[in-house]
PDB file of N, CA and C in Angstrom:
ATOM      1  N   MET A   1      86.546 102.694 126.192  1.00  0.00           N
ATOM      2  CA  MET A   1      87.234 103.593 125.281  1.00  0.00           C
ATOM      3  C   MET A   1      88.263 102.832 124.449  1.00  0.00           C
ATOM      4  N   GLN A   2      89.005 101.949 125.100  1.00  0.00           N
ATOM      5  CA  GLN A   2      90.034 101.176 124.411  1.00  0.00           C
ATOM      6  C   GLN A   2      89.431 100.293 123.322  1.00  0.00           C
ATOM      7  N   SER A   3      88.245  99.709 123.586  1.00  0.00           N
ATOM      8  CA  SER A   3      87.645  98.828 122.588  1.00  0.00           C
ATOM      9  C   SER A   3      87.184  99.611 121.363  1.00  0.00           C
ATOM     10  N   ASN A   4      86.746 100.865 121.547  1.00  0.00           N
ATOM     11  CA  ASN A   4      86.382 101.701 120.404  1.00  0.00           C
ATOM     12  C   ASN A   4      87.602 101.946 119.522  1.00  0.00           C
ATOM     13  N   GLU A   5      88.736 102.237 120.149  1.00  0.00           N
ATOM     14  CA  GLU A   5      89.970 102.452 119.382  1.00  0.00           C
ATOM     15  C   GLU A   5      90.344 101.187 118.615  1.00  0.00           C
ATOM     16  N   ALA A   6      90.256 100.043 119.271  1.00  0.00           N
ATOM     17  CA  ALA A   6      90.589  98.776 118.624  1.00  0.00           C
ATOM     18  C   ALA A   6      89.645  98.498 117.462  1.00  0.00           C
ATOM     19  N   GLN A   7      88.360  98.776 117.656  1.00  0.00           N
ATOM     20  CA  GLN A   7      87.381  98.577 116.579  1.00  0.00           C
ATOM     21  C   GLN A   7      87.650  99.526 115.421  1.00  0.00           C
ATOM     22  N   ASP A   8      87.934 100.788 115.735  1.00  0.00           N
ATOM     23  CA  ASP A   8      88.228 101.773 114.691  1.00  0.00           C
ATOM     24  C   ASP A   8      89.464 101.361 113.899  1.00  0.00           C
ATOM     25  N   LEU A   9      90.522 100.959 114.599  1.00  0.00           N
ATOM     26  CA  LEU A   9      91.753 100.535 113.936  1.00  0.00           C
ATOM     27  C   LEU A   9      91.516  99.301 113.069  1.00  0.00           C
ATOM     28  N   ALA A  10      90.728  98.352 113.563  1.00  0.00           N
ATOM     29  CA  ALA A  10      90.431  97.140 112.784  1.00  0.00           C
ATOM     30  C   ALA A  10      89.684  97.509 111.500  1.00  0.00           C
ATOM     31  N   GLY A  11      88.749  98.442 111.596  1.00  0.00           N
ATOM     32  CA  GLY A  11      88.006  98.891 110.422  1.00  0.00           C
ATOM     33  C   GLY A  11      88.897  99.599 109.420  1.00  0.00           C
ATOM     34  N   ILE A  12      89.801 100.431 109.920  1.00  0.00           N
ATOM     35  CA  ILE A  12      90.736 101.150 109.050  1.00  0.00           C
ATOM     36  C   ILE A  12      91.663 100.154 108.342  1.00  0.00           C
ATOM     37  N   LYS A  13      92.171  99.179 109.082  1.00  0.00           N
ATOM     38  CA  LYS A  13      93.072  98.177 108.493  1.00  0.00           C
ATOM     39  C   LYS A  13      92.362  97.396 107.393  1.00  0.00           C
ATOM     40  N   LYS A  14      91.118  96.992 107.646  1.00  0.00           N
ATOM     41  CA  LYS A  14      90.353  96.245 106.653  1.00  0.00           C
ATOM     42  C   LYS A  14      90.164  97.084 105.391  1.00  0.00           C
ATOM     43  N   LYS A  15      89.776  98.339 105.569  1.00  0.00           N
ATOM     44  CA  LYS A  15      89.553  99.240 104.433  1.00  0.00           C
ATOM     45  C   LYS A  15      90.855  99.476 103.674  1.00  0.00           C
ATOM     46  N   LEU A  16      91.957  99.697 104.396  1.00  0.00           N
ATOM     47  CA  LEU A  16      93.260  99.902 103.761  1.00  0.00           C
ATOM     48  C   LEU A  16      93.657  98.714 102.888  1.00  0.00           C
ATOM     49  N   LYS A  17      93.492  97.522 103.411  1.00  0.00           N
ATOM     50  CA  LYS A  17      93.849  96.319 102.657  1.00  0.00           C
ATOM     51  C   LYS A  17      93.021  96.224 101.377  1.00  0.00           C
ATOM     52  N   GLU A  18      91.718  96.492 101.504  1.00  0.00           N
ATOM     53  CA  GLU A  18      90.841  96.452 100.326  1.00  0.00           C
ATOM     54  C   GLU A  18      91.265  97.494  99.302  1.00  0.00           C
ATOM     55  N   LEU A  19      91.565  98.706  99.764  1.00  0.00           N
ATOM     56  CA  LEU A  19      91.968  99.781  98.861  1.00  0.00           C
ATOM     57  C   LEU A  19      93.306  99.495  98.186  1.00  0.00           C
ATOM     58  N   LEU A  20      94.252  98.939  98.932  1.00  0.00           N
ATOM     59  CA  LEU A  20      95.554  98.622  98.343  1.00  0.00           C
ATOM     60  C   LEU A  20      95.409  97.584  97.239  1.00  0.00           C
ATOM     61  N   VAL A  21      94.650  96.535  97.504  1.00  0.00           N
ATOM     62  CA  VAL A  21      94.472  95.484  96.494  1.00  0.00           C
ATOM     63  C   VAL A  21      93.766  96.055  95.265  1.00  0.00           C
ATOM     64  N   GLU A  22      92.728  96.853  95.498  1.00  0.00           N
ATOM     65  CA  GLU A  22      91.949  97.416  94.391  1.00  0.00           C
ATOM     66  C   GLU A  22      92.714  98.513  93.643  1.00  0.00           C
ATOM     67  N   ASP A  23      93.208  99.503  94.353  1.00  0.00           N
ATOM     68  CA  ASP A  23      93.819 100.676  93.718  1.00  0.00           C
ATOM     69  C   ASP A  23      95.219 100.422  93.180  1.00  0.00           C
ATOM     70  N   LEU A  24      95.934  99.474  93.766  1.00  0.00           N
ATOM     71  CA  LEU A  24      97.287  99.169  93.295  1.00  0.00           C
ATOM     72  C   LEU A  24      97.296  97.956  92.369  1.00  0.00           C
ATOM     73  N   SER A  25      96.114  97.457  92.049  1.00  0.00           N
ATOM     74  CA  SER A  25      95.967  96.307  91.136  1.00  0.00           C
ATOM     75  C   SER A  25      96.820  95.119  91.564  1.00  0.00           C
ATOM     76  N   LEU A  26      96.716  94.772  92.828  1.00  0.00           N
ATOM     77  CA  LEU A  26      97.441  93.606  93.349  1.00  0.00           C
ATOM     78  C   LEU A  26      96.599  92.368  93.050  1.00  0.00           C
ATOM     79  N   GLU A  27      96.754  91.850  91.849  1.00  0.00           N
ATOM     80  CA  GLU A  27      95.867  90.801  91.354  1.00  0.00           C
ATOM     81  C   GLU A  27      96.085  89.441  92.007  1.00  0.00           C
ATOM     82  N   ASP A  28      97.275  89.169  92.481  1.00  0.00           N
ATOM     83  CA  ASP A  28      97.582  87.842  93.012  1.00  0.00           C
ATOM     84  C   ASP A  28      97.381  87.726  94.515  1.00  0.00           C
ATOM     85  N   ILE A  29      96.767  88.731  95.115  1.00  0.00           N
ATOM     86  CA  ILE A  29      96.610  88.699  96.569  1.00  0.00           C
ATOM     87  C   ILE A  29      95.226  89.207  96.951  1.00  0.00           C
ATOM     88  N   LYS A  30      94.694  88.615  98.014  1.00  0.00           N
ATOM     89  CA  LYS A  30      93.399  89.034  98.546  1.00  0.00           C
ATOM     90  C   LYS A  30      93.663  89.909  99.771  1.00  0.00           C
ATOM     91  N   PRO A  31      92.757  90.860 100.043  1.00  0.00           N
ATOM     92  CA  PRO A  31      92.975  91.747 101.204  1.00  0.00           C
ATOM     93  C   PRO A  31      93.254  90.995 102.502  1.00  0.00           C
ATOM     94  N   GLU A  32      92.531  89.906 102.725  1.00  0.00           N
ATOM     95  CA  GLU A  32      92.695  89.170 103.980  1.00  0.00           C
ATOM     96  C   GLU A  32      94.033  88.428 104.065  1.00  0.00           C
ATOM     97  N   GLU A  33      94.758  88.340 102.960  1.00  0.00           N
ATOM     98  CA  GLU A  33      96.066  87.687 102.964  1.00  0.00           C
ATOM     99  C   GLU A  33      97.194  88.635 103.372  1.00  0.00           C
ATOM    100  N   ILE A  34      96.900  89.912 103.460  1.00  0.00           N
ATOM    101  CA  ILE A  34      97.914  90.895 103.856  1.00  0.00           C
ATOM    102  C   ILE A  34      97.947  90.966 105.374  1.00  0.00           C
ATOM    103  N   GLY A  35      99.093  90.682 105.947  1.00  0.00           N
ATOM    104  CA  GLY A  35      99.226  90.731 107.398  1.00  0.00           C
ATOM    105  C   GLY A  35      99.307  92.172 107.894  1.00  0.00           C
ATOM    106  N   ASP A  36      98.778  92.420 109.075  1.00  0.00           N
ATOM    107  CA  ASP A  36      98.788  93.775 109.646  1.00  0.00           C
ATOM    108  C   ASP A  36     100.198  94.324 109.792  1.00  0.00           C
ATOM    109  N   ASN A  37     101.156  93.454 110.120  1.00  0.00           N
ATOM    110  CA  ASN A  37     102.535  93.891 110.341  1.00  0.00           C
ATOM    111  C   ASN A  37     103.466  93.528 109.195  1.00  0.00           C
ATOM    112  N   GLU A  38     102.906  93.050 108.093  1.00  0.00           N
ATOM    113  CA  GLU A  38     103.722  92.709 106.925  1.00  0.00           C
ATOM    114  C   GLU A  38     104.356  93.971 106.347  1.00  0.00           C
ATOM    115  N   ILE A  39     105.637  93.886 106.045  1.00  0.00           N
ATOM    116  CA  ILE A  39     106.344  95.020 105.445  1.00  0.00           C
ATOM    117  C   ILE A  39     105.749  95.271 104.066  1.00  0.00           C
ATOM    118  N   LEU A  40     105.391  96.518 103.781  1.00  0.00           N
ATOM    119  CA  LEU A  40     104.704  96.830 102.526  1.00  0.00           C
ATOM    120  C   LEU A  40     105.655  96.938 101.336  1.00  0.00           C
ATOM    121  N   PHE A  41     106.864  97.439 101.569  1.00  0.00           N
ATOM    122  CA  PHE A  41     107.784  97.714 100.471  1.00  0.00           C
ATOM    123  C   PHE A  41     108.931  96.715 100.445  1.00  0.00           C
ATOM    124  N   GLY A  42     109.600  96.636  99.286  1.00  0.00           N
ATOM    125  CA  GLY A  42     110.769  95.766  99.153  1.00  0.00           C
ATOM    126  C   GLY A  42     110.402  94.309  99.244  1.00  0.00           C
ATOM    127  N   GLU A  43     111.081  93.591 100.110  1.00  0.00           N
ATOM    128  CA  GLU A  43     110.909  92.152 100.204  1.00  0.00           C
ATOM    129  C   GLU A  43     109.612  91.738 100.877  1.00  0.00           C
ATOM    130  N   GLY A  44     108.896  92.664 101.456  1.00  0.00           N
ATOM    131  CA  GLY A  44     107.612  92.339 102.075  1.00  0.00           C
ATOM    132  C   GLY A  44     106.556  92.116 101.009  1.00  0.00           C
ATOM    133  N   LEU A  45     105.588  92.998 100.938  1.00  0.00           N
ATOM    134  CA  LEU A  45     104.517  92.905  99.952  1.00  0.00           C
ATOM    135  C   LEU A  45     105.017  93.236  98.555  1.00  0.00           C
ATOM    136  N   GLY A  46     106.158  93.915  98.479  1.00  0.00           N
ATOM    137  CA  GLY A  46     106.780  94.178  97.189  1.00  0.00           C
ATOM    138  C   GLY A  46     106.356  95.480  96.523  1.00  0.00           C
ATOM    139  N   LEU A  47     105.804  96.401  97.303  1.00  0.00           N
ATOM    140  CA  LEU A  47     105.414  97.690  96.733  1.00  0.00           C
ATOM    141  C   LEU A  47     106.654  98.520  96.423  1.00  0.00           C
ATOM    142  N   ASP A  48     106.496  99.518  95.521  1.00  0.00           N
ATOM    143  CA  ASP A  48     107.617 100.381  95.149  1.00  0.00           C
ATOM    144  C   ASP A  48     107.240 101.851  95.324  1.00  0.00           C
ATOM    145  N   SER A  49     108.113 102.746  94.865  1.00  0.00           N
ATOM    146  CA  SER A  49     107.896 104.183  95.081  1.00  0.00           C
ATOM    147  C   SER A  49     106.646 104.702  94.383  1.00  0.00           C
ATOM    148  N   LEU A  50     106.294 104.138  93.239  1.00  0.00           N
ATOM    149  CA  LEU A  50     105.044 104.545  92.574  1.00  0.00           C
ATOM    150  C   LEU A  50     103.833 104.158  93.411  1.00  0.00           C
ATOM    151  N   ASP A  51     103.918 103.004  94.052  1.00  0.00           N
ATOM    152  CA  ASP A  51     102.847 102.578  94.952  1.00  0.00           C
ATOM    153  C   ASP A  51     102.733 103.519  96.147  1.00  0.00           C
ATOM    154  N   ALA A  52     103.863 104.032  96.617  1.00  0.00           N
ATOM    155  CA  ALA A  52     103.851 104.981  97.736  1.00  0.00           C
ATOM    156  C   ALA A  52     103.066 106.237  97.361  1.00  0.00           C
ATOM    157  N   VAL A  53     103.247 106.694  96.133  1.00  0.00           N
ATOM    158  CA  VAL A  53     102.502 107.868  95.659  1.00  0.00           C
ATOM    159  C   VAL A  53     101.004 107.547  95.646  1.00  0.00           C
ATOM    160  N   GLU A  54     100.653 106.359  95.190  1.00  0.00           N
ATOM    161  CA  GLU A  54      99.248 105.938  95.172  1.00  0.00           C
ATOM    162  C   GLU A  54      98.681 105.869  96.585  1.00  0.00           C
ATOM    163  N   ILE A  55      99.479 105.413  97.535  1.00  0.00           N
ATOM    164  CA  ILE A  55      99.018 105.339  98.925  1.00  0.00           C
ATOM    165  C   ILE A  55      98.732 106.740  99.457  1.00  0.00           C
ATOM    166  N   VAL A  56      99.576 107.701  99.114  1.00  0.00           N
ATOM    167  CA  VAL A  56      99.338 109.091  99.519  1.00  0.00           C
ATOM    168  C   VAL A  56      97.996 109.568  98.952  1.00  0.00           C
ATOM    169  N   VAL A  57      97.731 109.241  97.691  1.00  0.00           N
ATOM    170  CA  VAL A  57      96.458 109.615  97.059  1.00  0.00           C
ATOM    171  C   VAL A  57      95.288 108.950  97.786  1.00  0.00           C
ATOM    172  N   ILE A  58      95.448 107.684  98.149  1.00  0.00           N
ATOM    173  CA  ILE A  58      94.408 106.965  98.901  1.00  0.00           C
ATOM    174  C   ILE A  58      94.149 107.668 100.233  1.00  0.00           C
ATOM    175  N   LEU A  59      95.218 108.049 100.929  1.00  0.00           N
ATOM    176  CA  LEU A  59      95.058 108.726 102.221  1.00  0.00           C
ATOM    177  C   LEU A  59      94.293 110.036 102.059  1.00  0.00           C
ATOM    178  N   GLN A  60      94.568 110.742 100.978  1.00  0.00           N
ATOM    179  CA  GLN A  60      93.899 112.013 100.740  1.00  0.00           C
ATOM    180  C   GLN A  60      92.441 111.812 100.344  1.00  0.00           C
ATOM    181  N   ARG A  61      92.206 110.960  99.366  1.00  0.00           N
ATOM    182  CA  ARG A  61      90.857 110.800  98.807  1.00  0.00           C
ATOM    183  C   ARG A  61      89.917 109.992  99.688  1.00  0.00           C
ATOM    184  N   LYS A  62      90.402 108.913 100.226  1.00  0.00           N
ATOM    185  CA  LYS A  62      89.522 107.997 100.958  1.00  0.00           C
ATOM    186  C   LYS A  62      89.426 108.298 102.448  1.00  0.00           C
ATOM    187  N   PHE A  63      90.466 108.922 102.998  1.00  0.00           N
ATOM    188  CA  PHE A  63      90.464 109.187 104.433  1.00  0.00           C
ATOM    189  C   PHE A  63      90.481 110.677 104.756  1.00  0.00           C
ATOM    190  N   GLY A  64      90.525 111.521 103.729  1.00  0.00           N
ATOM    191  CA  GLY A  64      90.461 112.969 103.927  1.00  0.00           C
ATOM    192  C   GLY A  64      91.655 113.559 104.643  1.00  0.00           C
ATOM    193  N   LEU A  65      92.806 112.884 104.558  1.00  0.00           N
ATOM    194  CA  LEU A  65      93.997 113.394 105.246  1.00  0.00           C
ATOM    195  C   LEU A  65      94.797 114.291 104.318  1.00  0.00           C
ATOM    196  N   GLU A  66      95.251 115.381 104.835  1.00  0.00           N
ATOM    197  CA  GLU A  66      96.173 116.258 104.120  1.00  0.00           C
ATOM    198  C   GLU A  66      97.553 115.697 104.398  1.00  0.00           C
ATOM    199  N   VAL A  67      98.169 115.135 103.394  1.00  0.00           N
ATOM    200  CA  VAL A  67      99.440 114.449 103.592  1.00  0.00           C
ATOM    201  C   VAL A  67     100.583 115.400 103.262  1.00  0.00           C
ATOM    202  N   LYS A  68     101.351 115.727 104.289  1.00  0.00           N
ATOM    203  CA  LYS A  68     102.502 116.619 104.126  1.00  0.00           C
ATOM    204  C   LYS A  68     103.710 115.962 104.772  1.00  0.00           C
ATOM    205  N   ASP A  69     104.855 116.185 104.180  1.00  0.00           N
ATOM    206  CA  ASP A  69     106.111 115.746 104.794  1.00  0.00           C
ATOM    207  C   ASP A  69     106.223 114.239 105.000  1.00  0.00           C
ATOM    208  N   LEU A  70     105.537 113.455 104.189  1.00  0.00           N
ATOM    209  CA  LEU A  70     105.610 112.013 104.402  1.00  0.00           C
ATOM    210  C   LEU A  70     106.792 111.364 103.703  1.00  0.00           C
ATOM    211  N   GLU A  71     107.527 112.140 102.883  1.00  0.00           N
ATOM    212  CA  GLU A  71     108.701 111.571 102.223  1.00  0.00           C
ATOM    213  C   GLU A  71     109.695 111.058 103.253  1.00  0.00           C
ATOM    214  N   ASN A  72     109.775 111.747 104.365  1.00  0.00           N
ATOM    215  CA  ASN A  72     110.728 111.382 105.412  1.00  0.00           C
ATOM    216  C   ASN A  72     110.088 110.537 106.513  1.00  0.00           C
ATOM    217  N   ARG A  73     108.922 109.996 106.248  1.00  0.00           N
ATOM    218  CA  ARG A  73     108.197 109.226 107.262  1.00  0.00           C
ATOM    219  C   ARG A  73     108.028 107.777 106.846  1.00  0.00           C
ATOM    220  N   LYS A  74     109.140 107.105 106.607  1.00  0.00           N
ATOM    221  CA  LYS A  74     109.078 105.698 106.209  1.00  0.00           C
ATOM    222  C   LYS A  74     108.387 104.847 107.264  1.00  0.00           C
ATOM    223  N   ASP A  75     108.441 105.294 108.520  1.00  0.00           N
ATOM    224  CA  ASP A  75     107.785 104.558 109.595  1.00  0.00           C
ATOM    225  C   ASP A  75     106.274 104.473 109.379  1.00  0.00           C
ATOM    226  N   VAL A  76     105.675 105.505 108.799  1.00  0.00           N
ATOM    227  CA  VAL A  76     104.234 105.505 108.541  1.00  0.00           C
ATOM    228  C   VAL A  76     103.882 104.475 107.471  1.00  0.00           C
ATOM    229  N   PHE A  77     104.735 104.334 106.470  1.00  0.00           N
ATOM    230  CA  PHE A  77     104.476 103.448 105.346  1.00  0.00           C
ATOM    231  C   PHE A  77     105.009 102.027 105.552  1.00  0.00           C
ATOM    232  N   TYR A  78     105.438 101.717 106.740  1.00  0.00           N
ATOM    233  CA  TYR A  78     106.068 100.428 107.013  1.00  0.00           C
ATOM    234  C   TYR A  78     105.109  99.249 106.819  1.00  0.00           C
ATOM    235  N   SER A  79     103.900  99.369 107.382  1.00  0.00           N
ATOM    236  CA  SER A  79     102.951  98.252 107.369  1.00  0.00           C
ATOM    237  C   SER A  79     101.519  98.778 107.397  1.00  0.00           C
ATOM    238  N   ILE A  80     100.575  97.887 107.248  1.00  0.00           N
ATOM    239  CA  ILE A  80      99.157  98.243 107.381  1.00  0.00           C
ATOM    240  C   ILE A  80      98.924  98.799 108.782  1.00  0.00           C
ATOM    241  N   ASP A  81      99.524  98.166 109.772  1.00  0.00           N
ATOM    242  CA  ASP A  81      99.369  98.592 111.160  1.00  0.00           C
ATOM    243  C   ASP A  81      99.841 100.039 111.353  1.00  0.00           C
ATOM    244  N   SER A  82     101.014 100.374 110.822  1.00  0.00           N
ATOM    245  CA  SER A  82     101.537 101.735 110.996  1.00  0.00           C
ATOM    246  C   SER A  82     100.708 102.757 110.214  1.00  0.00           C
ATOM    247  N   LEU A  83     100.236 102.396 109.035  1.00  0.00           N
ATOM    248  CA  LEU A  83      99.362 103.297 108.265  1.00  0.00           C
ATOM    249  C   LEU A  83      98.045 103.524 108.993  1.00  0.00           C
ATOM    250  N   ALA A  84      97.461 102.461 109.523  1.00  0.00           N
ATOM    251  CA  ALA A  84      96.189 102.572 110.236  1.00  0.00           C
ATOM    252  C   ALA A  84      96.327 103.467 111.467  1.00  0.00           C
ATOM    253  N   LYS A  85      97.420 103.312 112.211  1.00  0.00           N
ATOM    254  CA  LYS A  85      97.644 104.161 113.390  1.00  0.00           C
ATOM    255  C   LYS A  85      97.786 105.618 112.980  1.00  0.00           C
ATOM    256  N   TYR A  86      98.494 105.876 111.886  1.00  0.00           N
ATOM    257  CA  TYR A  86      98.659 107.242 111.384  1.00  0.00           C
ATOM    258  C   TYR A  86      97.294 107.838 111.018  1.00  0.00           C
ATOM    259  N   ILE A  87      96.485 107.066 110.304  1.00  0.00           N
ATOM    260  CA  ILE A  87      95.153 107.542 109.905  1.00  0.00           C
ATOM    261  C   ILE A  87      94.306 107.805 111.145  1.00  0.00           C
ATOM    262  N   TYR A  88      94.300 106.866 112.066  1.00  0.00           N
ATOM    263  CA  TYR A  88      93.488 106.992 113.282  1.00  0.00           C
ATOM    264  C   TYR A  88      93.884 108.232 114.084  1.00  0.00           C
ATOM    265  N   GLU A  89      95.178 108.408 114.296  1.00  0.00           N
ATOM    266  CA  GLU A  89      95.659 109.541 115.101  1.00  0.00           C
ATOM    267  C   GLU A  89      95.396 110.882 114.417  1.00  0.00           C
ATOM    268  N   ASN A  90      95.522 110.935 113.118  1.00  0.00           N
ATOM    269  CA  ASN A  90      95.357 112.190 112.412  1.00  0.00           C
ATOM    270  C   ASN A  90      93.895 112.516 112.122  1.00  0.00           C
ATOM    271  N   LYS A  91      93.058 111.530 111.992  1.00  0.00           N
ATOM    272  CA  LYS A  91      91.627 111.782 111.845  1.00  0.00           C
ATOM    273  C   LYS A  91      91.050 112.263 113.174  1.00  0.00           C
ATOM    274  N   LYS A  92      91.570 111.733 114.269  1.00  0.00           N
ATOM    275  CA  LYS A  92      91.097 112.133 115.595  1.00  0.00           C
ATOM    276  C   LYS A  92      91.339 113.621 115.847  1.00  0.00           C
ATOM    277  N   LYS A  93      92.501 114.110 115.389  1.00  0.00           N
ATOM    278  CA  LYS A  93      92.845 115.519 115.583  1.00  0.00           C
ATOM    279  C   LYS A  93      91.877 116.428 114.834  1.00  0.00           C
ATOM    280  N   ASP A  94      91.430 115.964 113.663  1.00  0.00           N
ATOM    281  CA  ASP A  94      90.528 116.773 112.845  1.00  0.00           C
ATOM    282  C   ASP A  94      89.089 116.704 113.308  1.00  0.00           C
ATOM    283  N   ALA A  95      88.759 115.657 114.051  1.00  0.00           N
ATOM    284  CA  ALA A  95      87.359 115.439 114.451  1.00  0.00           C
ATOM    285  C   ALA A  95      86.928 116.370 115.549  1.00  0.00           C
TER     286      ALA A  95
END
């Protein structure tokens, strides 16, 4: 059971990195160069509030998540790892 979760999370992280590079037009970086625990905003990857809105759209369109109340959830947007865990946990509830 644990290995399925790890595989699912790895797949989500890979997809997230690809979507961020593509949808946010991160031209100087490749998906595989983004660390799982790299800070996404500010001094980390350098994303801003407009990028946060795009990430919400990605969560809705690509992962089918209804995103509510995430303005106060900076922990979810901290890193690829935290986003992937949020997607995994919330998709599981809907499944």
